[in-house]
Amino acid sequence: MAAGLLPVHSDLMNDSGSGGHYYWCTRHHRVETDADVCPAKHVLGPYDSSADAENALQTVRERNEAWEAEDARWAGEGS
């Protein structure tokens, strides 16, 4: 597999706008689709595209950082 590419769980997956959902599996570290997705306790999503699912962990990090900064602001820290 080429560097930087992530394995995809289903050959049926594409970004053609088929209305399906994509998930990031925290157990297998790959994109999964509605057709073949692990139990909810192991996935993040749903996302509208495989690219969004691939970036799920980065999105989580960014949101956590923003929420922590907002919590600190509310607590009067860093003002």
C-alpha atoms as a PDB file:
ATOM      1  CA  MET A   1       0.000   0.000   0.000  1.00  0.00           C
ATOM      2  CA  ALA A   2       1.310   3.464  -0.847  1.00  0.00           C
ATOM      3  CA  ALA A   3       2.425   5.668   2.024  1.00  0.00           C
ATOM      4  CA  GLY A   4      -0.332   7.860   3.377  1.00  0.00           C
ATOM      5  CA  LEU A   5      -3.165   5.742   1.987  1.00  0.00           C
ATOM      6  CA  LEU A   6      -5.591   4.034   4.310  1.00  0.00           C
ATOM      7  CA  PRO A   7      -7.197   0.669   3.694  1.00  0.00           C
ATOM      8  CA  VAL A   8     -10.849   0.722   2.723  1.00  0.00           C
ATOM      9  CA  HIS A   9     -13.082  -1.954   4.193  1.00  0.00           C
ATOM     10  CA  SER A  10     -15.476  -2.378   1.267  1.00  0.00           C
ATOM     11  CA  ASP A  11     -14.902  -2.588  -2.482  1.00  0.00           C
ATOM     12  CA  LEU A  12     -18.429  -1.200  -2.901  1.00  0.00           C
ATOM     13  CA  MET A  13     -17.430   2.178  -1.501  1.00  0.00           C
ATOM     14  CA  ASN A  14     -17.191   5.209  -3.721  1.00  0.00           C
ATOM     15  CA  ASP A  15     -17.838   8.927  -3.484  1.00  0.00           C
ATOM     16  CA  SER A  16     -20.445   8.972  -6.241  1.00  0.00           C
ATOM     17  CA  GLY A  17     -23.122  10.494  -4.019  1.00  0.00           C
ATOM     18  CA  SER A  18     -24.976   7.213  -3.653  1.00  0.00           C
ATOM     19  CA  GLY A  19     -26.391   8.446  -0.333  1.00  0.00           C
ATOM     20  CA  GLY A  20     -24.428   5.923   1.715  1.00  0.00           C
ATOM     21  CA  HIS A  21     -22.494   6.722   4.831  1.00  0.00           C
ATOM     22  CA  TYR A  22     -18.860   6.253   5.708  1.00  0.00           C
ATOM     23  CA  TYR A  23     -17.364   5.518   9.122  1.00  0.00           C
ATOM     24  CA  TRP A  24     -13.911   5.477  10.673  1.00  0.00           C
ATOM     25  CA  CYS A  25     -13.360   2.186  12.509  1.00  0.00           C
ATOM     26  CA  THR A  26     -11.217   2.744  15.605  1.00  0.00           C
ATOM     27  CA  ARG A  27     -10.702  -1.002  15.916  1.00  0.00           C
ATOM     28  CA  HIS A  28      -9.412  -1.664  12.379  1.00  0.00           C
ATOM     29  CA  HIS A  29      -8.127   1.860  11.577  1.00  0.00           C
ATOM     30  CA  ARG A  30      -9.908   2.061   8.234  1.00  0.00           C
ATOM     31  CA  VAL A  31     -12.920   3.517   6.439  1.00  0.00           C
ATOM     32  CA  GLU A  32     -16.048   1.367   6.463  1.00  0.00           C
ATOM     33  CA  THR A  33     -19.413   1.740   4.731  1.00  0.00           C
ATOM     34  CA  ASP A  34     -23.047   1.016   5.545  1.00  0.00           C
ATOM     35  CA  ALA A  35     -22.613  -2.249   3.637  1.00  0.00           C
ATOM     36  CA  ASP A  36     -19.978  -3.592   6.026  1.00  0.00           C
ATOM     37  CA  VAL A  37     -19.560  -1.580   9.211  1.00  0.00           C
ATOM     38  CA  CYS A  38     -18.347  -2.700  12.627  1.00  0.00           C
ATOM     39  CA  PRO A  39     -20.547  -2.259  15.726  1.00  0.00           C
ATOM     40  CA  ALA A  40     -21.222   1.353  16.746  1.00  0.00           C
ATOM     41  CA  LYS A  41     -18.878   1.138  19.749  1.00  0.00           C
ATOM     42  CA  HIS A  42     -15.959   0.845  17.298  1.00  0.00           C
ATOM     43  CA  VAL A  43     -16.795   3.563  14.749  1.00  0.00           C
ATOM     44  CA  LEU A  44     -16.920   7.324  14.356  1.00  0.00           C
ATOM     45  CA  GLY A  45     -19.509   8.750  12.020  1.00  0.00           C
ATOM     46  CA  PRO A  46     -21.491   8.618   9.896  1.00  0.00           C
ATOM     47  CA  TYR A  47     -19.752  10.876   7.405  1.00  0.00           C
ATOM     48  CA  ASP A  48     -20.882  11.880   3.923  1.00  0.00           C
ATOM     49  CA  SER A  49     -17.592  10.985   2.227  1.00  0.00           C
ATOM     50  CA  SER A  50     -14.723   8.572   2.666  1.00  0.00           C
ATOM     51  CA  ALA A  51     -12.351  11.555   2.940  1.00  0.00           C
ATOM     52  CA  ASP A  52     -14.328  12.926   5.898  1.00  0.00           C
ATOM     53  CA  ALA A  53     -14.211   9.505   7.548  1.00  0.00           C
ATOM     54  CA  GLU A  54     -10.449   9.240   6.959  1.00  0.00           C
ATOM     55  CA  ASN A  55     -10.029  12.592   8.715  1.00  0.00           C
ATOM     56  CA  ALA A  56     -12.276  11.670  11.657  1.00  0.00           C
ATOM     57  CA  LEU A  57      -9.508  11.467  14.254  1.00  0.00           C
ATOM     58  CA  GLN A  58      -8.103  14.855  13.215  1.00  0.00           C
ATOM     59  CA  THR A  59     -11.611  16.335  13.440  1.00  0.00           C
ATOM     60  CA  VAL A  60     -11.998  14.870  16.933  1.00  0.00           C
ATOM     61  CA  ARG A  61      -8.636  16.356  18.015  1.00  0.00           C
ATOM     62  CA  GLU A  62      -9.530  19.793  16.649  1.00  0.00           C
ATOM     63  CA  ARG A  63     -12.951  19.784  18.317  1.00  0.00           C
ATOM     64  CA  ASN A  64     -11.509  18.631  21.641  1.00  0.00           C
ATOM     65  CA  GLU A  65      -8.903  21.401  21.546  1.00  0.00           C
ATOM     66  CA  ALA A  66     -11.588  24.001  20.778  1.00  0.00           C
ATOM     67  CA  TRP A  67     -13.843  22.704  23.551  1.00  0.00           C
ATOM     68  CA  GLU A  68     -10.965  22.656  26.059  1.00  0.00           C
ATOM     69  CA  ALA A  69     -10.074  26.233  25.136  1.00  0.00           C
ATOM     70  CA  GLU A  70     -13.712  27.266  25.541  1.00  0.00           C
ATOM     71  CA  ASP A  71     -13.924  25.484  28.921  1.00  0.00           C
ATOM     72  CA  ALA A  72     -10.759  27.289  30.042  1.00  0.00           C
ATOM     73  CA  ARG A  73     -12.201  30.607  28.883  1.00  0.00           C
ATOM     74  CA  TRP A  74     -15.399  29.968  30.847  1.00  0.00           C
ATOM     75  CA  ALA A  75     -13.347  29.028  33.925  1.00  0.00           C
ATOM     76  CA  GLY A  76     -11.393  32.267  33.596  1.00  0.00           C
ATOM     77  CA  GLU A  77      -8.109  30.619  32.672  1.00  0.00           C
ATOM     78  CA  GLY A  78      -5.843  32.181  30.100  1.00  0.00           C
ATOM     79  CA  SER A  79      -7.688  35.513  30.073  1.00  0.00           C
END
